[in-house]
């Protein structure tokens, strides 16, 4: 179960954070993207297509429409959050206004 917390900001704008823990699956509210949390716990302002994950269906923000790729892992800058894309879509994953990046593949050791 995903719990959402609603925070009232000083500028009367409603901010939504999602409490994440490994294994949770989330669906985008603006496209067909679905992700699973691999690493990261706590409250995050996780978005896809510019809108909160798991919310009511909404139109995608064109500034966040760079597609997600199935099987790719997405991380934030300090690698404290890692998501696995289980279903691709048209939206981009982000924490608030900061886009998540695709995690680089690690080289496998040689098998002499």
PDB file of N, CA and C in Angstrom:
ATOM      1  N   UNK A   1       0.835  -1.182   0.000  1.00  0.00           N
ATOM      2  CA  UNK A   1       0.000   0.000   0.000  1.00  0.00           C
ATOM      3  C   UNK A   1       0.879   1.244   0.000  1.00  0.00           C
ATOM      4  N   UNK A   2       0.584   2.188  -0.861  1.00  0.00           N
ATOM      5  CA  UNK A   2       1.324   3.440  -0.936  1.00  0.00           C
ATOM      6  C   UNK A   2       0.552   4.494  -0.167  1.00  0.00           C
ATOM      7  N   UNK A   3       1.236   5.111   0.785  1.00  0.00           N
ATOM      8  CA  UNK A   3       0.607   6.182   1.544  1.00  0.00           C
ATOM      9  C   UNK A   3       1.087   7.501   0.975  1.00  0.00           C
ATOM     10  N   UNK A   4       0.188   8.415   0.754  1.00  0.00           N
ATOM     11  CA  UNK A   4       0.581   9.739   0.296  1.00  0.00           C
ATOM     12  C   UNK A   4       0.373  10.729   1.423  1.00  0.00           C
ATOM     13  N   UNK A   5       1.238  11.696   1.473  1.00  0.00           N
ATOM     14  CA  UNK A   5       1.139  12.742   2.468  1.00  0.00           C
ATOM     15  C   UNK A   5       0.903  14.053   1.745  1.00  0.00           C
ATOM     16  N   UNK A   6      -0.048  14.841   2.224  1.00  0.00           N
ATOM     17  CA  UNK A   6      -0.347  16.112   1.614  1.00  0.00           C
ATOM     18  C   UNK A   6       0.225  17.214   2.494  1.00  0.00           C
ATOM     19  N   UNK A   7       0.994  18.086   1.893  1.00  0.00           N
ATOM     20  CA  UNK A   7       1.645  19.164   2.622  1.00  0.00           C
ATOM     21  C   UNK A   7       1.152  20.484   2.029  1.00  0.00           C
ATOM     22  N   UNK A   8       0.720  21.396   2.861  1.00  0.00           N
ATOM     23  CA  UNK A   8       0.284  22.696   2.377  1.00  0.00           C
ATOM     24  C   UNK A   8       1.487  23.634   2.411  1.00  0.00           C
ATOM     25  N   UNK A   9       1.856  24.140   1.245  1.00  0.00           N
ATOM     26  CA  UNK A   9       3.006  25.039   1.140  1.00  0.00           C
ATOM     27  C   UNK A   9       2.566  26.468   1.428  1.00  0.00           C
ATOM     28  N   UNK A  10       3.547  27.341   1.638  1.00  0.00           N
ATOM     29  CA  UNK A  10       3.226  28.724   1.978  1.00  0.00           C
ATOM     30  C   UNK A  10       2.590  29.471   0.823  1.00  0.00           C
ATOM     31  N   UNK A  11       2.815  29.027  -0.421  1.00  0.00           N
ATOM     32  CA  UNK A  11       2.225  29.726  -1.559  1.00  0.00           C
ATOM     33  C   UNK A  11       0.887  29.103  -1.961  1.00  0.00           C
ATOM     34  N   UNK A  12       0.265  28.358  -1.052  1.00  0.00           N
ATOM     35  CA  UNK A  12      -1.043  27.721  -1.256  1.00  0.00           C
ATOM     36  C   UNK A  12      -1.029  26.667  -2.358  1.00  0.00           C
ATOM     37  N   UNK A  13       0.131  26.176  -2.701  1.00  0.00           N
ATOM     38  CA  UNK A  13       0.243  25.116  -3.693  1.00  0.00           C
ATOM     39  C   UNK A  13       0.346  23.797  -2.948  1.00  0.00           C
ATOM     40  N   UNK A  14      -0.437  22.807  -3.367  1.00  0.00           N
ATOM     41  CA  UNK A  14      -0.428  21.522  -2.679  1.00  0.00           C
ATOM     42  C   UNK A  14       0.709  20.663  -3.213  1.00  0.00           C
ATOM     43  N   UNK A  15       1.581  20.225  -2.320  1.00  0.00           N
ATOM     44  CA  UNK A  15       2.679  19.344  -2.685  1.00  0.00           C
ATOM     45  C   UNK A  15       2.333  17.944  -2.214  1.00  0.00           C
ATOM     46  N   UNK A  16       2.647  16.953  -3.025  1.00  0.00           N
ATOM     47  CA  UNK A  16       2.341  15.577  -2.666  1.00  0.00           C
ATOM     48  C   UNK A  16       3.640  14.801  -2.623  1.00  0.00           C
ATOM     49  N   UNK A  17       3.873  14.101  -1.539  1.00  0.00           N
ATOM     50  CA  UNK A  17       5.030  13.220  -1.454  1.00  0.00           C
ATOM     51  C   UNK A  17       4.525  11.804  -1.292  1.00  0.00           C
ATOM     52  N   UNK A  18       5.282  10.865  -1.827  1.00  0.00           N
ATOM     53  CA  UNK A  18       4.924   9.461  -1.748  1.00  0.00           C
ATOM     54  C   UNK A  18       5.937   8.774  -0.852  1.00  0.00           C
ATOM     55  N   UNK A  19       5.466   8.006   0.130  1.00  0.00           N
ATOM     56  CA  UNK A  19       6.360   7.262   1.004  1.00  0.00           C
ATOM     57  C   UNK A  19       6.775   5.987   0.269  1.00  0.00           C
ATOM     58  N   UNK A  20       8.065   5.875  -0.013  1.00  0.00           N
ATOM     59  CA  UNK A  20       8.581   4.761  -0.798  1.00  0.00           C
ATOM     60  C   UNK A  20       9.360   3.778   0.062  1.00  0.00           C
ATOM     61  N   UNK A  21       9.350   2.523  -0.375  1.00  0.00           N
ATOM     62  CA  UNK A  21      10.219   1.501   0.188  1.00  0.00           C
ATOM     63  C   UNK A  21      10.439   0.460  -0.902  1.00  0.00           C
ATOM     64  N   UNK A  22      11.547  -0.262  -0.858  1.00  0.00           N
ATOM     65  CA  UNK A  22      11.854  -1.235  -1.911  1.00  0.00           C
ATOM     66  C   UNK A  22      10.721  -2.246  -2.106  1.00  0.00           C
ATOM     67  N   UNK A  23      10.435  -2.529  -3.391  1.00  0.00           N
ATOM     68  CA  UNK A  23       9.398  -3.485  -3.741  1.00  0.00           C
ATOM     69  C   UNK A  23       8.072  -2.864  -4.127  1.00  0.00           C
ATOM     70  N   UNK A  24       7.859  -1.595  -3.792  1.00  0.00           N
ATOM     71  CA  UNK A  24       6.598  -0.930  -4.130  1.00  0.00           C
ATOM     72  C   UNK A  24       6.550  -0.660  -5.630  1.00  0.00           C
ATOM     73  N   UNK A  25       5.374  -0.879  -6.228  1.00  0.00           N
ATOM     74  CA  UNK A  25       5.156  -0.595  -7.645  1.00  0.00           C
ATOM     75  C   UNK A  25       4.262   0.633  -7.757  1.00  0.00           C
ATOM     76  N   UNK A  26       4.617   1.500  -8.700  1.00  0.00           N
ATOM     77  CA  UNK A  26       3.861   2.734  -8.908  1.00  0.00           C
ATOM     78  C   UNK A  26       3.510   2.886 -10.379  1.00  0.00           C
ATOM     79  N   UNK A  27       2.348   3.479 -10.647  1.00  0.00           N
ATOM     80  CA  UNK A  27       1.890   3.724 -12.014  1.00  0.00           C
ATOM     81  C   UNK A  27       1.766   5.226 -12.224  1.00  0.00           C
ATOM     82  N   UNK A  28       2.165   5.663 -13.402  1.00  0.00           N
ATOM     83  CA  UNK A  28       2.067   7.075 -13.746  1.00  0.00           C
ATOM     84  C   UNK A  28       0.609   7.483 -13.902  1.00  0.00           C
ATOM     85  N   UNK A  29       0.320   8.728 -13.554  1.00  0.00           N
ATOM     86  CA  UNK A  29      -1.026   9.259 -13.739  1.00  0.00           C
ATOM     87  C   UNK A  29      -1.168   9.972 -15.075  1.00  0.00           C
ATOM     88  N   UNK A  30      -0.053  10.112 -15.827  1.00  0.00           N
ATOM     89  CA  UNK A  30      -0.119  10.856 -17.082  1.00  0.00           C
ATOM     90  C   UNK A  30       0.234  10.020 -18.314  1.00  0.00           C
ATOM     91  N   UNK A  31       0.707   8.778 -18.128  1.00  0.00           N
ATOM     92  CA  UNK A  31       1.032   7.912 -19.260  1.00  0.00           C
ATOM     93  C   UNK A  31       1.026   6.456 -18.797  1.00  0.00           C
ATOM     94  N   UNK A  32       1.544   5.561 -19.616  1.00  0.00           N
ATOM     95  CA  UNK A  32       1.493   4.133 -19.292  1.00  0.00           C
ATOM     96  C   UNK A  32       2.689   3.641 -18.474  1.00  0.00           C
ATOM     97  N   UNK A  33       3.581   4.522 -18.057  1.00  0.00           N
ATOM     98  CA  UNK A  33       4.778   4.136 -17.310  1.00  0.00           C
ATOM     99  C   UNK A  33       4.440   3.489 -15.973  1.00  0.00           C
ATOM    100  N   UNK A  34       5.142   2.383 -15.676  1.00  0.00           N
ATOM    101  CA  UNK A  34       5.061   1.743 -14.368  1.00  0.00           C
ATOM    102  C   UNK A  34       6.478   1.466 -13.898  1.00  0.00           C
ATOM    103  N   UNK A  35       6.733   1.675 -12.616  1.00  0.00           N
ATOM    104  CA  UNK A  35       8.063   1.462 -12.043  1.00  0.00           C
ATOM    105  C   UNK A  35       7.965   0.669 -10.750  1.00  0.00           C
ATOM    106  N   UNK A  36       9.104   0.088 -10.363  1.00  0.00           N
ATOM    107  CA  UNK A  36       9.223  -0.591  -9.075  1.00  0.00           C
ATOM    108  C   UNK A  36      10.415   0.023  -8.347  1.00  0.00           C
ATOM    109  N   UNK A  37      10.260   0.275  -7.068  1.00  0.00           N
ATOM    110  CA  UNK A  37      11.339   0.847  -6.264  1.00  0.00           C
ATOM    111  C   UNK A  37      12.351  -0.247  -5.948  1.00  0.00           C
ATOM    112  N   UNK A  38      13.604  -0.017  -6.295  1.00  0.00           N
ATOM    113  CA  UNK A  38      14.697  -0.941  -6.013  1.00  0.00           C
ATOM    114  C   UNK A  38      15.452  -0.493  -4.758  1.00  0.00           C
ATOM    115  N   UNK A  39      15.743   0.797  -4.659  1.00  0.00           N
ATOM    116  CA  UNK A  39      16.469   1.349  -3.513  1.00  0.00           C
ATOM    117  C   UNK A  39      15.859   2.693  -3.155  1.00  0.00           C
ATOM    118  N   UNK A  40      15.774   2.954  -1.876  1.00  0.00           N
ATOM    119  CA  UNK A  40      15.287   4.237  -1.399  1.00  0.00           C
ATOM    120  C   UNK A  40      14.109   4.071  -0.466  1.00  0.00           C
ATOM    121  N   UNK A  41      14.154   4.740   0.643  1.00  0.00           N
ATOM    122  CA  UNK A  41      13.042   4.751   1.586  1.00  0.00           C
ATOM    123  C   UNK A  41      12.789   6.191   2.003  1.00  0.00           C
ATOM    124  N   UNK A  42      11.569   6.468   2.341  1.00  0.00           N
ATOM    125  CA  UNK A  42      11.228   7.803   2.809  1.00  0.00           C
ATOM    126  C   UNK A  42      10.237   8.483   1.898  1.00  0.00           C
ATOM    127  N   UNK A  43      10.053   9.772   2.126  1.00  0.00           N
ATOM    128  CA  UNK A  43       9.094  10.571   1.374  1.00  0.00           C
ATOM    129  C   UNK A  43       9.784  11.257   0.203  1.00  0.00           C
ATOM    130  N   UNK A  44       9.247  11.056  -0.991  1.00  0.00           N
ATOM    131  CA  UNK A  44       9.793  11.659  -2.198  1.00  0.00           C
ATOM    132  C   UNK A  44       8.665  12.288  -2.999  1.00  0.00           C
ATOM    133  N   UNK A  45       8.965  13.371  -3.676  1.00  0.00           N
ATOM    134  CA  UNK A  45       8.032  14.001  -4.611  1.00  0.00           C
ATOM    135  C   UNK A  45       8.304  13.387  -5.985  1.00  0.00           C
ATOM    136  N   UNK A  46       7.922  12.115  -6.150  1.00  0.00           N
ATOM    137  CA  UNK A  46       8.202  11.348  -7.361  1.00  0.00           C
ATOM    138  C   UNK A  46       7.133  11.634  -8.405  1.00  0.00           C
ATOM    139  N   UNK A  47       7.590  11.980  -9.614  1.00  0.00           N
ATOM    140  CA  UNK A  47       6.665  12.341 -10.684  1.00  0.00           C
ATOM    141  C   UNK A  47       7.020  11.634 -11.986  1.00  0.00           C
ATOM    142  N   UNK A  48       6.036  11.514 -12.842  1.00  0.00           N
ATOM    143  CA  UNK A  48       6.242  11.024 -14.203  1.00  0.00           C
ATOM    144  C   UNK A  48       5.384  11.891 -15.115  1.00  0.00           C
ATOM    145  N   UNK A  49       5.993  12.413 -16.165  1.00  0.00           N
ATOM    146  CA  UNK A  49       5.264  13.318 -17.043  1.00  0.00           C
ATOM    147  C   UNK A  49       4.923  14.637 -16.381  1.00  0.00           C
ATOM    148  N   UNK A  50       5.634  14.971 -15.297  1.00  0.00           N
ATOM    149  CA  UNK A  50       5.413  16.228 -14.589  1.00  0.00           C
ATOM    150  C   UNK A  50       4.361  16.169 -13.509  1.00  0.00           C
ATOM    151  N   UNK A  51       3.757  14.977 -13.292  1.00  0.00           N
ATOM    152  CA  UNK A  51       2.694  14.846 -12.291  1.00  0.00           C
ATOM    153  C   UNK A  51       2.993  13.683 -11.350  1.00  0.00           C
ATOM    154  N   UNK A  52       2.443  13.761 -10.149  1.00  0.00           N
ATOM    155  CA  UNK A  52       2.711  12.772  -9.112  1.00  0.00           C
ATOM    156  C   UNK A  52       2.331  11.363  -9.583  1.00  0.00           C
ATOM    157  N   UNK A  53       3.146  10.382  -9.186  1.00  0.00           N
ATOM    158  CA  UNK A  53       2.876   8.983  -9.521  1.00  0.00           C
ATOM    159  C   UNK A  53       1.692   8.500  -8.691  1.00  0.00           C
ATOM    160  N   UNK A  54       0.787   7.757  -9.332  1.00  0.00           N
ATOM    161  CA  UNK A  54      -0.328   7.152  -8.628  1.00  0.00           C
ATOM    162  C   UNK A  54      -1.514   8.050  -8.391  1.00  0.00           C
ATOM    163  N   UNK A  55      -1.501   9.251  -8.920  1.00  0.00           N
ATOM    164  CA  UNK A  55      -2.623  10.160  -8.729  1.00  0.00           C
ATOM    165  C   UNK A  55      -3.730   9.922  -9.741  1.00  0.00           C
ATOM    166  N   UNK A  56      -4.675  10.822  -9.779  1.00  0.00           N
ATOM    167  CA  UNK A  56      -5.762  10.754 -10.751  1.00  0.00           C
ATOM    168  C   UNK A  56      -5.222  11.017 -12.152  1.00  0.00           C
ATOM    169  N   UNK A  57      -5.826  10.430 -13.198  1.00  0.00           N
ATOM    170  CA  UNK A  57      -5.359  10.647 -14.576  1.00  0.00           C
ATOM    171  C   UNK A  57      -5.355  12.124 -14.952  1.00  0.00           C
ATOM    172  N   UNK A  58      -4.236  12.575 -15.521  1.00  0.00           N
ATOM    173  CA  UNK A  58      -4.073  13.972 -15.932  1.00  0.00           C
ATOM    174  C   UNK A  58      -3.319  14.027 -17.252  1.00  0.00           C
ATOM    175  N   UNK A  59      -3.331  15.184 -17.882  1.00  0.00           N
ATOM    176  CA  UNK A  59      -2.577  15.407 -19.111  1.00  0.00           C
ATOM    177  C   UNK A  59      -1.096  15.562 -18.790  1.00  0.00           C
ATOM    178  N   UNK A  60      -0.250  15.049 -19.673  1.00  0.00           N
ATOM    179  CA  UNK A  60       1.194  15.106 -19.468  1.00  0.00           C
ATOM    180  C   UNK A  60       1.723  16.516 -19.711  1.00  0.00           C
ATOM    181  N   UNK A  61       2.709  16.905 -18.916  1.00  0.00           N
ATOM    182  CA  UNK A  61       3.417  18.164 -19.101  1.00  0.00           C
ATOM    183  C   UNK A  61       4.454  17.931 -20.196  1.00  0.00           C
ATOM    184  N   UNK A  62       4.407  18.695 -21.280  1.00  0.00           N
ATOM    185  CA  UNK A  62       5.312  18.492 -22.413  1.00  0.00           C
ATOM    186  C   UNK A  62       6.784  18.679 -22.068  1.00  0.00           C
ATOM    187  N   UNK A  63       7.087  19.379 -20.983  1.00  0.00           N
ATOM    188  CA  UNK A  63       8.480  19.543 -20.553  1.00  0.00           C
ATOM    189  C   UNK A  63       9.046  18.248 -19.960  1.00  0.00           C
ATOM    190  N   UNK A  64       8.164  17.299 -19.642  1.00  0.00           N
ATOM    191  CA  UNK A  64       8.575  16.022 -19.047  1.00  0.00           C
ATOM    192  C   UNK A  64       8.071  14.862 -19.902  1.00  0.00           C
ATOM    193  N   UNK A  65       8.286  14.953 -21.221  1.00  0.00           N
ATOM    194  CA  UNK A  65       7.794  13.935 -22.149  1.00  0.00           C
ATOM    195  C   UNK A  65       8.945  13.348 -22.966  1.00  0.00           C
ATOM    196  N   UNK A  66       9.943  12.777 -22.285  1.00  0.00           N
ATOM    197  CA  UNK A  66      11.107  12.236 -22.991  1.00  0.00           C
ATOM    198  C   UNK A  66      11.148  10.708 -22.971  1.00  0.00           C
ATOM    199  N   UNK A  67      10.060  10.054 -22.610  1.00  0.00           N
ATOM    200  CA  UNK A  67       9.916   8.590 -22.598  1.00  0.00           C
ATOM    201  C   UNK A  67      10.713   7.900 -21.498  1.00  0.00           C
ATOM    202  N   UNK A  68      10.152   6.830 -20.990  1.00  0.00           N
ATOM    203  CA  UNK A  68      10.866   5.915 -20.097  1.00  0.00           C
ATOM    204  C   UNK A  68      11.053   4.617 -20.857  1.00  0.00           C
ATOM    205  N   UNK A  69      12.126   3.912 -20.561  1.00  0.00           N
ATOM    206  CA  UNK A  69      12.488   2.699 -21.284  1.00  0.00           C
ATOM    207  C   UNK A  69      12.378   1.487 -20.378  1.00  0.00           C
ATOM    208  N   UNK A  70      11.709   0.449 -20.869  1.00  0.00           N
ATOM    209  CA  UNK A  70      11.506  -0.757 -20.070  1.00  0.00           C
ATOM    210  C   UNK A  70      12.834  -1.438 -19.765  1.00  0.00           C
ATOM    211  N   UNK A  71      12.983  -1.883 -18.517  1.00  0.00           N
ATOM    212  CA  UNK A  71      14.174  -2.591 -18.094  1.00  0.00           C
ATOM    213  C   UNK A  71      15.308  -1.695 -17.646  1.00  0.00           C
ATOM    214  N   UNK A  72      15.189  -0.402 -17.840  1.00  0.00           N
ATOM    215  CA  UNK A  72      16.240   0.538 -17.427  1.00  0.00           C
ATOM    216  C   UNK A  72      16.018   0.942 -15.977  1.00  0.00           C
ATOM    217  N   UNK A  73      17.125   1.214 -15.323  1.00  0.00           N
ATOM    218  CA  UNK A  73      17.084   1.680 -13.942  1.00  0.00           C
ATOM    219  C   UNK A  73      17.336   3.175 -13.922  1.00  0.00           C
ATOM    220  N   UNK A  74      16.521   3.880 -13.180  1.00  0.00           N
ATOM    221  CA  UNK A  74      16.610   5.332 -13.083  1.00  0.00           C
ATOM    222  C   UNK A  74      17.021   5.709 -11.661  1.00  0.00           C
ATOM    223  N   UNK A  75      17.964   6.654 -11.543  1.00  0.00           N
ATOM    224  CA  UNK A  75      18.486   7.073 -10.243  1.00  0.00           C
ATOM    225  C   UNK A  75      18.510   8.595 -10.150  1.00  0.00           C
ATOM    226  N   UNK A  76      18.542   9.083  -8.902  1.00  0.00           N
ATOM    227  CA  UNK A  76      18.751  10.509  -8.700  1.00  0.00           C
ATOM    228  C   UNK A  76      20.259  10.762  -8.628  1.00  0.00           C
ATOM    229  N   UNK A  77      20.661  12.008  -8.471  1.00  0.00           N
ATOM    230  CA  UNK A  77      22.084  12.363  -8.540  1.00  0.00           C
ATOM    231  C   UNK A  77      22.937  11.694  -7.479  1.00  0.00           C
ATOM    232  N   UNK A  78      22.419  11.518  -6.271  1.00  0.00           N
ATOM    233  CA  UNK A  78      23.231  10.910  -5.201  1.00  0.00           C
ATOM    234  C   UNK A  78      22.984   9.409  -5.048  1.00  0.00           C
ATOM    235  N   UNK A  79      22.255   8.806  -5.996  1.00  0.00           N
ATOM    236  CA  UNK A  79      21.979   7.358  -6.003  1.00  0.00           C
ATOM    237  C   UNK A  79      21.244   6.862  -4.759  1.00  0.00           C
ATOM    238  N   UNK A  80      20.530   7.736  -4.070  1.00  0.00           N
ATOM    239  CA  UNK A  80      19.777   7.303  -2.894  1.00  0.00           C
ATOM    240  C   UNK A  80      18.428   6.698  -3.289  1.00  0.00           C
ATOM    241  N   UNK A  81      17.991   6.947  -4.523  1.00  0.00           N
ATOM    242  CA  UNK A  81      16.735   6.399  -5.035  1.00  0.00           C
ATOM    243  C   UNK A  81      17.021   5.703  -6.362  1.00  0.00           C
ATOM    244  N   UNK A  82      16.544   4.462  -6.487  1.00  0.00           N
ATOM    245  CA  UNK A  82      16.704   3.708  -7.737  1.00  0.00           C
ATOM    246  C   UNK A  82      15.366   3.063  -8.088  1.00  0.00           C
ATOM    247  N   UNK A  83      14.920   3.287  -9.323  1.00  0.00           N
ATOM    248  CA  UNK A  83      13.660   2.746  -9.818  1.00  0.00           C
ATOM    249  C   UNK A  83      13.924   1.877 -11.035  1.00  0.00           C
ATOM    250  N   UNK A  84      13.177   0.791 -11.180  1.00  0.00           N
ATOM    251  CA  UNK A  84      13.239  -0.071 -12.356  1.00  0.00           C
ATOM    252  C   UNK A  84      11.957   0.150 -13.147  1.00  0.00           C
ATOM    253  N   UNK A  85      12.095   0.488 -14.428  1.00  0.00           N
ATOM    254  CA  UNK A  85      10.929   0.695 -15.282  1.00  0.00           C
ATOM    255  C   UNK A  85      10.414  -0.672 -15.728  1.00  0.00           C
ATOM    256  N   UNK A  86       9.187  -1.026 -15.316  1.00  0.00           N
ATOM    257  CA  UNK A  86       8.599  -2.318 -15.659  1.00  0.00           C
ATOM    258  C   UNK A  86       7.631  -2.224 -16.830  1.00  0.00           C
ATOM    259  N   UNK A  87       7.216  -0.992 -17.173  1.00  0.00           N
ATOM    260  CA  UNK A  87       6.366  -0.775 -18.341  1.00  0.00           C
ATOM    261  C   UNK A  87       6.715   0.600 -18.902  1.00  0.00           C
ATOM    262  N   UNK A  88       7.094   0.670 -20.195  1.00  0.00           N
ATOM    263  CA  UNK A  88       7.513   1.962 -20.756  1.00  0.00           C
ATOM    264  C   UNK A  88       6.339   2.906 -20.968  1.00  0.00           C
ATOM    265  N   UNK A  89       6.682   4.181 -21.112  1.00  0.00           N
ATOM    266  CA  UNK A  89       5.658   5.187 -21.362  1.00  0.00           C
ATOM    267  C   UNK A  89       6.268   6.443 -21.946  1.00  0.00           C
ATOM    268  N   UNK A  90       5.447   7.435 -22.166  1.00  0.00           N
ATOM    269  CA  UNK A  90       5.873   8.670 -22.815  1.00  0.00           C
ATOM    270  C   UNK A  90       6.463   9.691 -21.844  1.00  0.00           C
ATOM    271  N   UNK A  91       6.188   9.562 -20.565  1.00  0.00           N
ATOM    272  CA  UNK A  91       6.634  10.556 -19.586  1.00  0.00           C
ATOM    273  C   UNK A  91       8.049  10.336 -19.104  1.00  0.00           C
ATOM    274  N   UNK A  92       8.635  11.380 -18.530  1.00  0.00           N
ATOM    275  CA  UNK A  92       9.959  11.313 -17.915  1.00  0.00           C
ATOM    276  C   UNK A  92       9.812  11.227 -16.405  1.00  0.00           C
ATOM    277  N   UNK A  93      10.658  10.425 -15.763  1.00  0.00           N
ATOM    278  CA  UNK A  93      10.645  10.304 -14.305  1.00  0.00           C
ATOM    279  C   UNK A  93      11.422  11.461 -13.697  1.00  0.00           C
ATOM    280  N   UNK A  94      10.906  12.004 -12.585  1.00  0.00           N
ATOM    281  CA  UNK A  94      11.592  13.113 -11.928  1.00  0.00           C
ATOM    282  C   UNK A  94      11.269  13.134 -10.443  1.00  0.00           C
ATOM    283  N   UNK A  95      12.152  13.787  -9.705  1.00  0.00           N
ATOM    284  CA  UNK A  95      11.894  14.142  -8.312  1.00  0.00           C
ATOM    285  C   UNK A  95      11.605  15.628  -8.332  1.00  0.00           C
ATOM    286  N   UNK A  96      10.368  15.996  -8.124  1.00  0.00           N
ATOM    287  CA  UNK A  96       9.903  17.379  -8.276  1.00  0.00           C
ATOM    288  C   UNK A  96      10.243  17.829  -9.699  1.00  0.00           C
ATOM    289  N   UNK A  97      11.100  18.824  -9.860  1.00  0.00           N
ATOM    290  CA  UNK A  97      11.446  19.343 -11.186  1.00  0.00           C
ATOM    291  C   UNK A  97      12.777  18.790 -11.710  1.00  0.00           C
ATOM    292  N   UNK A  98      13.433  17.903 -10.959  1.00  0.00           N
ATOM    293  CA  UNK A  98      14.738  17.366 -11.346  1.00  0.00           C
ATOM    294  C   UNK A  98      14.572  15.995 -11.983  1.00  0.00           C
ATOM    295  N   UNK A  99      14.980  15.872 -13.245  1.00  0.00           N
ATOM    296  CA  UNK A  99      14.846  14.600 -13.959  1.00  0.00           C
ATOM    297  C   UNK A  99      15.755  13.532 -13.385  1.00  0.00           C
ATOM    298  N   UNK A 100      15.261  12.293 -13.352  1.00  0.00           N
ATOM    299  CA  UNK A 100      16.094  11.155 -12.966  1.00  0.00           C
ATOM    300  C   UNK A 100      16.887  10.728 -14.190  1.00  0.00           C
ATOM    301  N   UNK A 101      18.058  10.137 -13.959  1.00  0.00           N
ATOM    302  CA  UNK A 101      18.923   9.717 -15.063  1.00  0.00           C
ATOM    303  C   UNK A 101      18.978   8.193 -15.134  1.00  0.00           C
ATOM    304  N   UNK A 102      19.271   7.680 -16.326  1.00  0.00           N
ATOM    305  CA  UNK A 102      19.405   6.238 -16.505  1.00  0.00           C
ATOM    306  C   UNK A 102      20.715   5.801 -15.883  1.00  0.00           C
ATOM    307  N   UNK A 103      20.655   4.764 -15.066  1.00  0.00           N
ATOM    308  CA  UNK A 103      21.845   4.254 -14.390  1.00  0.00           C
ATOM    309  C   UNK A 103      22.744   3.557 -15.401  1.00  0.00           C
ATOM    310  N   UNK A 104      24.028   3.862 -15.337  1.00  0.00           N
ATOM    311  CA  UNK A 104      24.993   3.254 -16.254  1.00  0.00           C
ATOM    312  C   UNK A 104      25.179   1.784 -15.918  1.00  0.00           C
ATOM    313  N   UNK A 105      25.344   0.965 -16.961  1.00  0.00           N
ATOM    314  CA  UNK A 105      25.571  -0.465 -16.768  1.00  0.00           C
ATOM    315  C   UNK A 105      26.961  -0.693 -16.181  1.00  0.00           C
ATOM    316  N   UNK A 106      27.069  -1.691 -15.307  1.00  0.00           N
ATOM    317  CA  UNK A 106      28.363  -2.017 -14.719  1.00  0.00           C
ATOM    318  C   UNK A 106      29.013  -3.113 -15.540  1.00  0.00           C
ATOM    319  N   UNK A 107      30.309  -3.020 -15.703  1.00  0.00           N
ATOM    320  CA  UNK A 107      31.047  -4.027 -16.463  1.00  0.00           C
ATOM    321  C   UNK A 107      31.127  -5.333 -15.668  1.00  0.00           C
ATOM    322  N   UNK A 108      30.924  -6.445 -16.342  1.00  0.00           N
ATOM    323  CA  UNK A 108      31.034  -7.750 -15.699  1.00  0.00           C
ATOM    324  C   UNK A 108      32.499  -8.172 -15.663  1.00  0.00           C
ATOM    325  N   UNK A 109      32.907  -8.912 -14.649  1.00  0.00           N
ATOM    326  CA  UNK A 109      34.296  -9.377 -14.595  1.00  0.00           C
ATOM    327  C   UNK A 109      34.561 -10.404 -15.697  1.00  0.00           C
ATOM    328  N   UNK A 110      35.795 -10.446 -16.152  1.00  0.00           N
ATOM    329  CA  UNK A 110      36.128 -11.403 -17.214  1.00  0.00           C
ATOM    330  C   UNK A 110      36.099 -12.826 -16.655  1.00  0.00           C
ATOM    331  N   UNK A 111      35.835 -13.769 -17.528  1.00  0.00           N
ATOM    332  CA  UNK A 111      35.722 -15.171 -17.091  1.00  0.00           C
ATOM    333  C   UNK A 111      36.830 -16.033 -17.675  1.00  0.00           C
ATOM    334  N   UNK A 112      38.014 -15.559 -17.624  1.00  0.00           N
ATOM    335  CA  UNK A 112      39.188 -16.229 -18.195  1.00  0.00           C
ATOM    336  C   UNK A 112      39.020 -17.681 -18.302  1.00  0.00           C
TER     337      UNK A 112
END
